C-alpha atoms as a PDB file:
ATOM      1  CA  MET A   1     -12.168  -5.582   2.660  1.00  0.00           C
ATOM      2  CA  SER A   2     -15.875  -5.005   3.268  1.00  0.00           C
ATOM      3  CA  ASP A   3     -17.278  -7.857   1.174  1.00  0.00           C
ATOM      4  CA  HIS A   4     -15.433 -10.512   3.167  1.00  0.00           C
ATOM      5  CA  ARG A   5     -15.302  -8.717   6.534  1.00  0.00           C
ATOM      6  CA  PRO A   6     -18.165 -10.733   8.094  1.00  0.00           C
ATOM      7  CA  GLN A   7     -16.368 -13.988   7.375  1.00  0.00           C
ATOM      8  CA  LEU A   8     -13.073 -12.586   8.669  1.00  0.00           C
ATOM      9  CA  ASP A   9     -14.876 -11.513  11.845  1.00  0.00           C
ATOM     10  CA  GLN A  10     -16.058 -15.106  12.297  1.00  0.00           C
ATOM     11  CA  VAL A  11     -12.503 -16.358  11.915  1.00  0.00           C
ATOM     12  CA  LEU A  12     -11.200 -13.789  14.405  1.00  0.00           C
ATOM     13  CA  ARG A  13     -13.854 -14.691  16.982  1.00  0.00           C
ATOM     14  CA  LEU A  14     -13.003 -18.371  16.608  1.00  0.00           C
ATOM     15  CA  VAL A  15      -9.259 -17.763  17.010  1.00  0.00           C
ATOM     16  CA  HIS A  16      -9.855 -15.705  20.153  1.00  0.00           C
ATOM     17  CA  ASP A  17     -12.346 -18.221  21.539  1.00  0.00           C
ATOM     18  CA  VAL A  18      -9.821 -21.023  21.166  1.00  0.00           C
ATOM     19  CA  LEU A  19      -6.541 -19.284  22.039  1.00  0.00           C
ATOM     20  CA  GLY A  20      -7.741 -16.369  24.162  1.00  0.00           C
ATOM     21  CA  ALA A  21      -4.999 -14.155  25.554  1.00  0.00           C
ATOM     22  CA  GLU A  22      -2.361 -16.289  23.816  1.00  0.00           C
ATOM     23  CA  VAL A  23      -3.115 -14.556  20.506  1.00  0.00           C
ATOM     24  CA  ALA A  24      -0.311 -12.060  19.836  1.00  0.00           C
ATOM     25  CA  GLY A  25      -1.392 -11.041  16.334  1.00  0.00           C
ATOM     26  CA  VAL A  26      -3.629 -12.003  13.409  1.00  0.00           C
ATOM     27  CA  PHE A  27      -2.771 -10.895   9.874  1.00  0.00           C
ATOM     28  CA  LEU A  28      -4.427 -10.971   6.490  1.00  0.00           C
ATOM     29  CA  HIS A  29      -2.135 -11.805   3.575  1.00  0.00           C
ATOM     30  CA  GLY A  30      -2.210 -13.323   0.089  1.00  0.00           C
ATOM     31  CA  SER A  31      -4.458 -12.046  -2.688  1.00  0.00           C
ATOM     32  CA  ALA A  32      -6.490  -9.826  -0.393  1.00  0.00           C
ATOM     33  CA  VAL A  33      -3.502  -7.584   0.285  1.00  0.00           C
ATOM     34  CA  LEU A  34      -1.127  -8.212  -2.641  1.00  0.00           C
ATOM     35  CA  GLY A  35      -3.471  -7.743  -5.576  1.00  0.00           C
ATOM     36  CA  GLY A  36      -7.106  -7.950  -4.602  1.00  0.00           C
ATOM     37  CA  LEU A  37      -9.324 -10.976  -4.057  1.00  0.00           C
ATOM     38  CA  ARG A  38     -10.266 -12.909  -7.194  1.00  0.00           C
ATOM     39  CA  PRO A  39     -13.403 -15.024  -7.679  1.00  0.00           C
ATOM     40  CA  ASP A  40     -11.696 -18.198  -6.410  1.00  0.00           C
ATOM     41  CA  SER A  41      -9.288 -16.621  -3.911  1.00  0.00           C
ATOM     42  CA  ASP A  42      -8.908 -17.946  -0.382  1.00  0.00           C
ATOM     43  CA  LEU A  43      -8.984 -15.758   2.688  1.00  0.00           C
ATOM     44  CA  ASP A  44      -5.401 -16.187   3.913  1.00  0.00           C
ATOM     45  CA  VAL A  45      -5.039 -15.645   7.674  1.00  0.00           C
ATOM     46  CA  PHE A  46      -1.806 -15.887   9.645  1.00  0.00           C
ATOM     47  CA  VAL A  47      -1.905 -16.170  13.446  1.00  0.00           C
ATOM     48  CA  VAL A  48       1.028 -15.589  15.770  1.00  0.00           C
ATOM     49  CA  ALA A  49       0.468 -17.212  19.178  1.00  0.00           C
ATOM     50  CA  ARG A  50       2.488 -16.567  22.318  1.00  0.00           C
ATOM     51  CA  ARG A  51       3.043 -20.309  22.821  1.00  0.00           C
ATOM     52  CA  ARG A  52       2.552 -23.653  21.123  1.00  0.00           C
ATOM     53  CA  MET A  53      -0.966 -25.062  20.874  1.00  0.00           C
ATOM     54  CA  THR A  54      -2.434 -27.970  22.807  1.00  0.00           C
ATOM     55  CA  ASP A  55      -4.112 -30.930  21.116  1.00  0.00           C
ATOM     56  CA  ARG A  56      -7.469 -29.723  22.413  1.00  0.00           C
ATOM     57  CA  GLU A  57      -6.934 -26.276  20.897  1.00  0.00           C
ATOM     58  CA  ARG A  58      -6.082 -27.834  17.532  1.00  0.00           C
ATOM     59  CA  ARG A  59      -9.277 -29.907  17.563  1.00  0.00           C
ATOM     60  CA  ASP A  60     -11.418 -26.928  18.595  1.00  0.00           C
ATOM     61  CA  LEU A  61      -9.916 -24.649  15.959  1.00  0.00           C
ATOM     62  CA  LEU A  62     -10.357 -27.289  13.269  1.00  0.00           C
ATOM     63  CA  HIS A  63     -13.983 -27.912  14.230  1.00  0.00           C
ATOM     64  CA  GLY A  64     -14.767 -24.206  14.043  1.00  0.00           C
ATOM     65  CA  LEU A  65     -13.068 -23.698  10.688  1.00  0.00           C
ATOM     66  CA  LEU A  66     -14.932 -26.611   9.115  1.00  0.00           C
ATOM     67  CA  GLY A  67     -18.111 -24.632   9.784  1.00  0.00           C
ATOM     68  CA  ILE A  68     -16.817 -21.271   8.542  1.00  0.00           C
ATOM     69  CA  SER A  69     -14.751 -22.073   5.473  1.00  0.00           C
ATOM     70  CA  GLY A  70     -15.990 -22.660   1.947  1.00  0.00           C
ATOM     71  CA  ARG A  71     -18.760 -25.184   1.436  1.00  0.00           C
ATOM     72  CA  GLY A  72     -18.816 -25.946   5.157  1.00  0.00           C
ATOM     73  CA  ALA A  73     -20.247 -22.523   6.097  1.00  0.00           C
ATOM     74  CA  ARG A  74     -23.190 -23.142   8.408  1.00  0.00           C
ATOM     75  CA  ASN A  75     -25.097 -19.903   7.837  1.00  0.00           C
ATOM     76  CA  GLY A  76     -26.131 -20.857   4.321  1.00  0.00           C
ATOM     77  CA  GLU A  77     -24.376 -17.830   2.805  1.00  0.00           C
ATOM     78  CA  PRO A  78     -21.659 -18.179   0.155  1.00  0.00           C
ATOM     79  CA  ALA A  79     -18.285 -18.304   1.881  1.00  0.00           C
ATOM     80  CA  ARG A  80     -14.725 -18.133   0.667  1.00  0.00           C
ATOM     81  CA  PRO A  81     -12.295 -20.930   1.465  1.00  0.00           C
ATOM     82  CA  VAL A  82     -10.138 -20.042   4.456  1.00  0.00           C
ATOM     83  CA  GLU A  83      -6.454 -20.893   4.723  1.00  0.00           C
ATOM     84  CA  LEU A  84      -5.344 -20.382   8.306  1.00  0.00           C
ATOM     85  CA  ILE A  85      -1.881 -20.895   9.738  1.00  0.00           C
ATOM     86  CA  VAL A  86      -0.811 -20.632  13.374  1.00  0.00           C
ATOM     87  CA  VAL A  87       2.799 -20.267  14.481  1.00  0.00           C
ATOM     88  CA  ALA A  88       4.218 -19.921  17.975  1.00  0.00           C
ATOM     89  CA  GLN A  89       6.262 -16.741  18.104  1.00  0.00           C
ATOM     90  CA  GLY A  90       9.196 -18.477  19.768  1.00  0.00           C
ATOM     91  CA  ASP A  91       9.442 -20.873  16.803  1.00  0.00           C
ATOM     92  CA  VAL A  92       9.851 -18.109  14.213  1.00  0.00           C
ATOM     93  CA  ARG A  93      11.542 -15.326  16.180  1.00  0.00           C
ATOM     94  CA  PRO A  94      14.460 -15.369  16.141  1.00  0.00           C
ATOM     95  CA  TRP A  95      14.118 -16.788  12.649  1.00  0.00           C
ATOM     96  CA  ARG A  96      15.437 -20.284  11.983  1.00  0.00           C
ATOM     97  CA  TYR A  97      15.104 -22.665   9.041  1.00  0.00           C
ATOM     98  CA  PRO A  98      13.051 -24.714   8.582  1.00  0.00           C
ATOM     99  CA  PRO A  99      10.444 -23.003  10.769  1.00  0.00           C
ATOM    100  CA  ARG A 100       7.761 -24.916  12.656  1.00  0.00           C
ATOM    101  CA  CYS A 101       4.067 -24.544  11.863  1.00  0.00           C
ATOM    102  CA  GLU A 102       1.691 -25.200  14.762  1.00  0.00           C
ATOM    103  CA  PHE A 103      -1.510 -25.548  12.716  1.00  0.00           C
ATOM    104  CA  LEU A 104      -2.503 -25.455   9.059  1.00  0.00           C
ATOM    105  CA  TYR A 105      -6.065 -25.429   7.739  1.00  0.00           C
ATOM    106  CA  GLY A 106      -6.922 -25.385   4.034  1.00  0.00           C
ATOM    107  CA  GLU A 107      -9.982 -26.496   2.079  1.00  0.00           C
ATOM    108  CA  TRP A 108      -7.880 -28.877  -0.019  1.00  0.00           C
ATOM    109  CA  LEU A 109      -7.481 -30.914   3.199  1.00  0.00           C
ATOM    110  CA  ARG A 110     -11.191 -30.948   4.098  1.00  0.00           C
ATOM    111  CA  GLU A 111     -11.747 -34.625   3.275  1.00  0.00           C
ATOM    112  CA  GLU A 112      -8.930 -35.667   5.598  1.00  0.00           C
ATOM    113  CA  PHE A 113     -10.213 -33.388   8.341  1.00  0.00           C
ATOM    114  CA  GLU A 114     -13.774 -34.680   7.986  1.00  0.00           C
ATOM    115  CA  ARG A 115     -12.408 -38.214   8.403  1.00  0.00           C
ATOM    116  CA  GLY A 116     -11.060 -37.166  11.785  1.00  0.00           C
ATOM    117  CA  GLU A 117      -7.480 -36.118  11.041  1.00  0.00           C
ATOM    118  CA  VAL A 118      -6.269 -33.098  13.026  1.00  0.00           C
ATOM    119  CA  PRO A 119      -3.513 -30.734  11.811  1.00  0.00           C
ATOM    120  CA  ALA A 120      -0.263 -31.603  13.556  1.00  0.00           C
ATOM    121  CA  PRO A 121       2.744 -29.345  14.149  1.00  0.00           C
ATOM    122  CA  ALA A 122       5.565 -29.846  11.670  1.00  0.00           C
ATOM    123  CA  GLY A 123       8.518 -28.168  10.021  1.00  0.00           C
ATOM    124  CA  MET A 124       7.228 -26.105   7.114  1.00  0.00           C
ATOM    125  CA  PRO A 125       9.664 -24.450   4.686  1.00  0.00           C
ATOM    126  CA  ASP A 126       6.678 -22.741   2.999  1.00  0.00           C
ATOM    127  CA  LEU A 127       6.491 -20.451   6.015  1.00  0.00           C
ATOM    128  CA  ALA A 128       9.426 -18.539   4.535  1.00  0.00           C
ATOM    129  CA  PRO A 129       7.450 -17.053   1.610  1.00  0.00           C
ATOM    130  CA  LEU A 130       4.299 -16.822   3.745  1.00  0.00           C
ATOM    131  CA  ILE A 131       5.994 -14.736   6.436  1.00  0.00           C
ATOM    132  CA  THR A 132       7.553 -12.611   3.705  1.00  0.00           C
ATOM    133  CA  MET A 133       4.063 -11.952   2.309  1.00  0.00           C
ATOM    134  CA  VAL A 134       2.655 -11.214   5.769  1.00  0.00           C
ATOM    135  CA  LEU A 135       5.368  -8.617   6.372  1.00  0.00           C
ATOM    136  CA  LEU A 136       4.941  -7.165   2.893  1.00  0.00           C
ATOM    137  CA  GLY A 137       1.165  -6.972   3.209  1.00  0.00           C
ATOM    138  CA  ASP A 138       1.352  -5.325   6.655  1.00  0.00           C
ATOM    139  CA  THR A 139      -2.371  -5.857   7.299  1.00  0.00           C
ATOM    140  CA  PRO A 140      -3.122  -6.652  10.954  1.00  0.00           C
ATOM    141  CA  LEU A 141      -6.607  -7.879  11.811  1.00  0.00           C
ATOM    142  CA  PHE A 142      -5.640  -7.932  15.482  1.00  0.00           C
ATOM    143  CA  GLY A 143      -2.542  -6.809  17.316  1.00  0.00           C
ATOM    144  CA  PRO A 144       0.455  -4.734  16.228  1.00  0.00           C
ATOM    145  CA  PRO A 145       2.005  -4.558  12.749  1.00  0.00           C
ATOM    146  CA  PRO A 146       3.571  -7.896  11.799  1.00  0.00           C
ATOM    147  CA  ALA A 147       7.114  -6.511  11.934  1.00  0.00           C
ATOM    148  CA  HIS A 148       6.648  -6.194  15.717  1.00  0.00           C
ATOM    149  CA  LEU A 149       6.216  -9.970  15.997  1.00  0.00           C
ATOM    150  CA  LEU A 150       8.065 -11.492  13.043  1.00  0.00           C
ATOM    151  CA  ASP A 151      11.633 -11.286  11.795  1.00  0.00           C
ATOM    152  CA  PRO A 152      12.289 -10.768   8.077  1.00  0.00           C
ATOM    153  CA  VAL A 153      13.229 -13.953   6.236  1.00  0.00           C
ATOM    154  CA  PRO A 154      16.782 -13.923   4.819  1.00  0.00           C
ATOM    155  CA  HIS A 155      16.745 -14.078   1.028  1.00  0.00           C
ATOM    156  CA  GLU A 156      18.733 -17.326   1.009  1.00  0.00           C
ATOM    157  CA  ASP A 157      16.071 -19.048   3.127  1.00  0.00           C
ATOM    158  CA  LEU A 158      13.290 -17.605   0.990  1.00  0.00           C
ATOM    159  CA  ARG A 159      15.066 -18.868  -2.117  1.00  0.00           C
ATOM    160  CA  ARG A 160      15.670 -22.394  -0.867  1.00  0.00           C
ATOM    161  CA  ALA A 161      12.149 -22.708   0.537  1.00  0.00           C
ATOM    162  CA  ILE A 162      10.419 -21.868  -2.734  1.00  0.00           C
ATOM    163  CA  VAL A 163      12.807 -24.048  -4.750  1.00  0.00           C
ATOM    164  CA  ALA A 164      12.301 -26.960  -2.343  1.00  0.00           C
ATOM    165  CA  GLY A 165       8.549 -26.780  -2.943  1.00  0.00           C
ATOM    166  CA  VAL A 166       8.729 -27.194  -6.732  1.00  0.00           C
ATOM    167  CA  PRO A 167       8.784 -31.033  -6.892  1.00  0.00           C
ATOM    168  CA  GLU A 168       5.732 -31.313  -4.636  1.00  0.00           C
ATOM    169  CA  LEU A 169       4.005 -28.637  -6.696  1.00  0.00           C
ATOM    170  CA  LEU A 170       4.558 -30.588  -9.914  1.00  0.00           C
ATOM    171  CA  VAL A 171       2.791 -33.620  -8.453  1.00  0.00           C
ATOM    172  CA  ASP A 172      -0.446 -31.606  -8.652  1.00  0.00           C
ATOM    173  CA  LEU A 173       0.028 -30.392 -12.224  1.00  0.00           C
ATOM    174  CA  ALA A 174      -2.787 -32.469 -13.734  1.00  0.00           C
ATOM    175  CA  SER A 175      -5.260 -31.974 -10.867  1.00  0.00           C
ATOM    176  CA  ASP A 176      -4.601 -28.293 -10.064  1.00  0.00           C
ATOM    177  CA  THR A 177      -3.192 -26.992 -13.342  1.00  0.00           C
ATOM    178  CA  ARG A 178      -4.108 -23.331 -13.040  1.00  0.00           C
ATOM    179  CA  ASN A 179      -2.675 -22.911  -9.553  1.00  0.00           C
ATOM    180  CA  VAL A 180       0.511 -24.823 -10.385  1.00  0.00           C
ATOM    181  CA  LEU A 181       1.169 -22.673 -13.468  1.00  0.00           C
ATOM    182  CA  LEU A 182       0.636 -19.453 -11.522  1.00  0.00           C
ATOM    183  CA  THR A 183       2.686 -20.588  -8.539  1.00  0.00           C
ATOM    184  CA  LEU A 184       5.599 -21.620 -10.752  1.00  0.00           C
ATOM    185  CA  ALA A 185       5.455 -18.167 -12.338  1.00  0.00           C
ATOM    186  CA  ARG A 186       5.655 -16.639  -8.864  1.00  0.00           C
ATOM    187  CA  VAL A 187       8.617 -18.856  -7.907  1.00  0.00           C
ATOM    188  CA  TRP A 188      10.419 -17.771 -11.072  1.00  0.00           C
ATOM    189  CA  THR A 189       9.607 -14.109 -10.455  1.00  0.00           C
ATOM    190  CA  THR A 190      10.710 -14.230  -6.818  1.00  0.00           C
ATOM    191  CA  LEU A 191      14.026 -15.879  -7.661  1.00  0.00           C
ATOM    192  CA  ALA A 192      14.702 -13.391 -10.449  1.00  0.00           C
ATOM    193  CA  THR A 193      13.648 -10.203  -8.653  1.00  0.00           C
ATOM    194  CA  GLY A 194      13.970 -10.989  -4.943  1.00  0.00           C
ATOM    195  CA  THR A 195      10.391  -9.838  -4.301  1.00  0.00           C
ATOM    196  CA  VAL A 196       7.108 -11.672  -3.732  1.00  0.00           C
ATOM    197  CA  THR A 197       4.206 -10.461  -5.881  1.00  0.00           C
ATOM    198  CA  SER A 198       0.611 -11.453  -6.532  1.00  0.00           C
ATOM    199  CA  LYS A 199       0.022 -14.433  -8.819  1.00  0.00           C
ATOM    200  CA  ASP A 200      -1.355 -12.340 -11.670  1.00  0.00           C
ATOM    201  CA  ALA A 201       1.546  -9.870 -11.446  1.00  0.00           C
ATOM    202  CA  ALA A 202       4.009 -12.770 -11.469  1.00  0.00           C
ATOM    203  CA  ALA A 203       2.246 -14.255 -14.493  1.00  0.00           C
ATOM    204  CA  SER A 204       2.491 -10.916 -16.326  1.00  0.00           C
ATOM    205  CA  TRP A 205       6.217 -10.769 -15.551  1.00  0.00           C
ATOM    206  CA  ALA A 206       6.715 -14.329 -16.804  1.00  0.00           C
ATOM    207  CA  LEU A 207       4.636 -13.784 -19.960  1.00  0.00           C
ATOM    208  CA  ASP A 208       7.005 -11.009 -21.002  1.00  0.00           C
ATOM    209  CA  ARG A 209       9.936 -13.420 -20.788  1.00  0.00           C
ATOM    210  CA  LEU A 210       8.532 -16.614 -22.274  1.00  0.00           C
ATOM    211  CA  PRO A 211       8.949 -17.701 -25.893  1.00  0.00           C
ATOM    212  CA  ASP A 212       5.728 -17.083 -27.813  1.00  0.00           C
ATOM    213  CA  ARG A 213       4.837 -20.772 -28.117  1.00  0.00           C
ATOM    214  CA  HIS A 214       4.910 -21.222 -24.331  1.00  0.00           C
ATOM    215  CA  ARG A 215       2.748 -18.207 -23.450  1.00  0.00           C
ATOM    216  CA  PRO A 216      -0.839 -19.375 -24.162  1.00  0.00           C
ATOM    217  CA  VAL A 217      -1.288 -21.759 -21.223  1.00  0.00           C
ATOM    218  CA  LEU A 218      -0.006 -19.220 -18.672  1.00  0.00           C
ATOM    219  CA  ALA A 219      -2.087 -16.461 -20.250  1.00  0.00           C
ATOM    220  CA  ARG A 220      -5.132 -18.669 -19.911  1.00  0.00           C
ATOM    221  CA  ALA A 221      -4.332 -19.524 -16.290  1.00  0.00           C
ATOM    222  CA  ARG A 222      -3.988 -15.824 -15.490  1.00  0.00           C
ATOM    223  CA  SER A 223      -7.242 -14.988 -17.287  1.00  0.00           C
ATOM    224  CA  LEU A 224      -9.134 -17.653 -15.357  1.00  0.00           C
ATOM    225  CA  TYR A 225      -7.591 -16.454 -12.096  1.00  0.00           C
ATOM    226  CA  LEU A 226      -8.757 -12.918 -12.792  1.00  0.00           C
ATOM    227  CA  GLY A 227     -12.257 -14.176 -13.476  1.00  0.00           C
ATOM    228  CA  GLY A 228     -12.445 -13.474 -17.198  1.00  0.00           C
ATOM    229  CA  ARG A 229     -10.457 -13.146 -20.388  1.00  0.00           C
ATOM    230  CA  ASP A 230      -7.714 -10.531 -20.129  1.00  0.00           C
ATOM    231  CA  SER A 231      -7.213  -9.216 -23.636  1.00  0.00           C
ATOM    232  CA  LEU A 232      -4.000  -7.458 -22.650  1.00  0.00           C
ATOM    233  CA  ALA A 233      -2.406 -10.632 -21.356  1.00  0.00           C
ATOM    234  CA  ALA A 234      -3.879 -13.279 -23.641  1.00  0.00           C
ATOM    235  CA  PRO A 235      -1.997 -13.935 -26.878  1.00  0.00           C
ATOM    236  CA  ALA A 236      -3.974 -13.598 -30.083  1.00  0.00           C
ATOM    237  CA  ASP A 237      -3.585 -17.315 -30.802  1.00  0.00           C
ATOM    238  CA  LEU A 238      -5.329 -18.388 -27.578  1.00  0.00           C
ATOM    239  CA  PRO A 239      -8.398 -20.295 -28.825  1.00  0.00           C
ATOM    240  CA  ASP A 240     -11.861 -19.128 -27.827  1.00  0.00           C
ATOM    241  CA  SER A 241     -12.524 -22.631 -26.530  1.00  0.00           C
ATOM    242  CA  VAL A 242     -10.095 -22.069 -23.686  1.00  0.00           C
ATOM    243  CA  GLY A 243     -11.373 -18.681 -22.575  1.00  0.00           C
ATOM    244  CA  ALA A 244     -12.759 -17.701 -19.196  1.00  0.00           C
ATOM    245  CA  GLY A 245     -15.363 -20.014 -17.776  1.00  0.00           C
ATOM    246  CA  SER A 246     -13.718 -23.164 -19.187  1.00  0.00           C
ATOM    247  CA  GLU A 247     -11.487 -24.799 -16.582  1.00  0.00           C
ATOM    248  CA  SER A 248     -10.861 -28.165 -18.226  1.00  0.00           C
ATOM    249  CA  TRP A 249      -7.286 -28.593 -19.400  1.00  0.00           C
ATOM    250  CA  ASP A 250      -7.994 -31.877 -21.219  1.00  0.00           C
ATOM    251  CA  GLY A 251      -6.156 -31.998 -24.501  1.00  0.00           C
ATOM    252  CA  GLU A 252      -3.799 -29.198 -23.478  1.00  0.00           C
ATOM    253  CA  MET A 253      -1.520 -31.109 -21.138  1.00  0.00           C
ATOM    254  CA  PRO A 254       1.271 -31.570 -23.736  1.00  0.00           C
ATOM    255  CA  ALA A 255       1.429 -27.770 -24.118  1.00  0.00           C
ATOM    256  CA  VAL A 256       1.173 -27.344 -20.345  1.00  0.00           C
ATOM    257  CA  ARG A 257       4.048 -29.749 -19.723  1.00  0.00           C
ATOM    258  CA  ALA A 258       6.197 -28.113 -22.383  1.00  0.00           C
ATOM    259  CA  HIS A 259       5.575 -24.726 -20.732  1.00  0.00           C
ATOM    260  CA  VAL A 260       6.370 -26.140 -17.292  1.00  0.00           C
ATOM    261  CA  ASP A 261       9.638 -27.648 -18.562  1.00  0.00           C
ATOM    262  CA  VAL A 262      10.756 -24.196 -19.725  1.00  0.00           C
ATOM    263  CA  VAL A 263       9.823 -22.495 -16.460  1.00  0.00           C
ATOM    264  CA  VAL A 264      11.361 -25.200 -14.273  1.00  0.00           C
ATOM    265  CA  ARG A 265      14.624 -24.951 -16.233  1.00  0.00           C
ATOM    266  CA  ALA A 266      14.644 -21.191 -15.646  1.00  0.00           C
ATOM    267  CA  ILE A 267      14.010 -21.756 -11.921  1.00  0.00           C
ATOM    268  CA  GLU A 268      16.817 -24.327 -11.707  1.00  0.00           C
ATOM    269  CA  GLN A 269      19.264 -22.032 -13.457  1.00  0.00           C
ATOM    270  CA  LEU A 270      18.466 -19.173 -11.092  1.00  0.00           C
ATOM    271  CA  ALA A 271      18.698 -21.482  -8.077  1.00  0.00           C
ATOM    272  CA  GLU A 272      22.146 -22.627  -9.156  1.00  0.00           C
ATOM    273  CA  ARG A 273      23.258 -19.002  -9.424  1.00  0.00           C
ATOM    274  CA  GLY A 274      21.736 -18.083  -6.097  1.00  0.00           C
ATOM    275  CA  GLY A 275      18.773 -16.066  -7.390  1.00  0.00           C
ATOM    276  CA  HIS A 276      18.758 -12.413  -8.415  1.00  0.00           C
END
């Protein structure tokens, strides 16, 4: 954790400055605890507050994050993108579906935030897999272990949350191809096994189950995610022109869409059967 600890410390100070004694727990999750941070990985931070946030607190937290996260870092040093979620404990414990998210910050929303939009509370089915990952990662940055503050998500709610997110995910296929391919692999893996894994582990699982002709695009996505060509995962017929360091998917979208059709059909079949 040492290479990103200074940035995490900034995030923790900001959360405490804004919410003070209302902070019940702060947890690291995502790549940092499931499989190790990759070159493009976010710092995923999950905050449990003792109560719902005020509008002023949302504005203050947003303003601080714009200066800490990614290209907005004010100290001139390279900074990872931060994804930060706040929930009020009473909205997620006892667990109910869909859960309410008090605040969501992500770099993909920076343009909206810089135009003056402020994250608003809303129902968020995606909290089901996120809370599952927080509990699995068990990495408190402040406060007790997450199981002291969060209830486990029933498998049925985890299943329907990740399935419900597939149509929205597909909207971003052309603009965020790598992430969509890896996330679909994780949805498929979770439905089939009942467990949430890292994106690269999910991709490895899916690669073992795909027909040969549908493997190259996922192998490439995994290789790029890991920060370089993975000779163990990449099929021999993956062209050199699509190796690590090349992120353009131009010309490959027919193969990408054919791959996605296969994976989405597998997801739908598992969803109809109720998962693993």
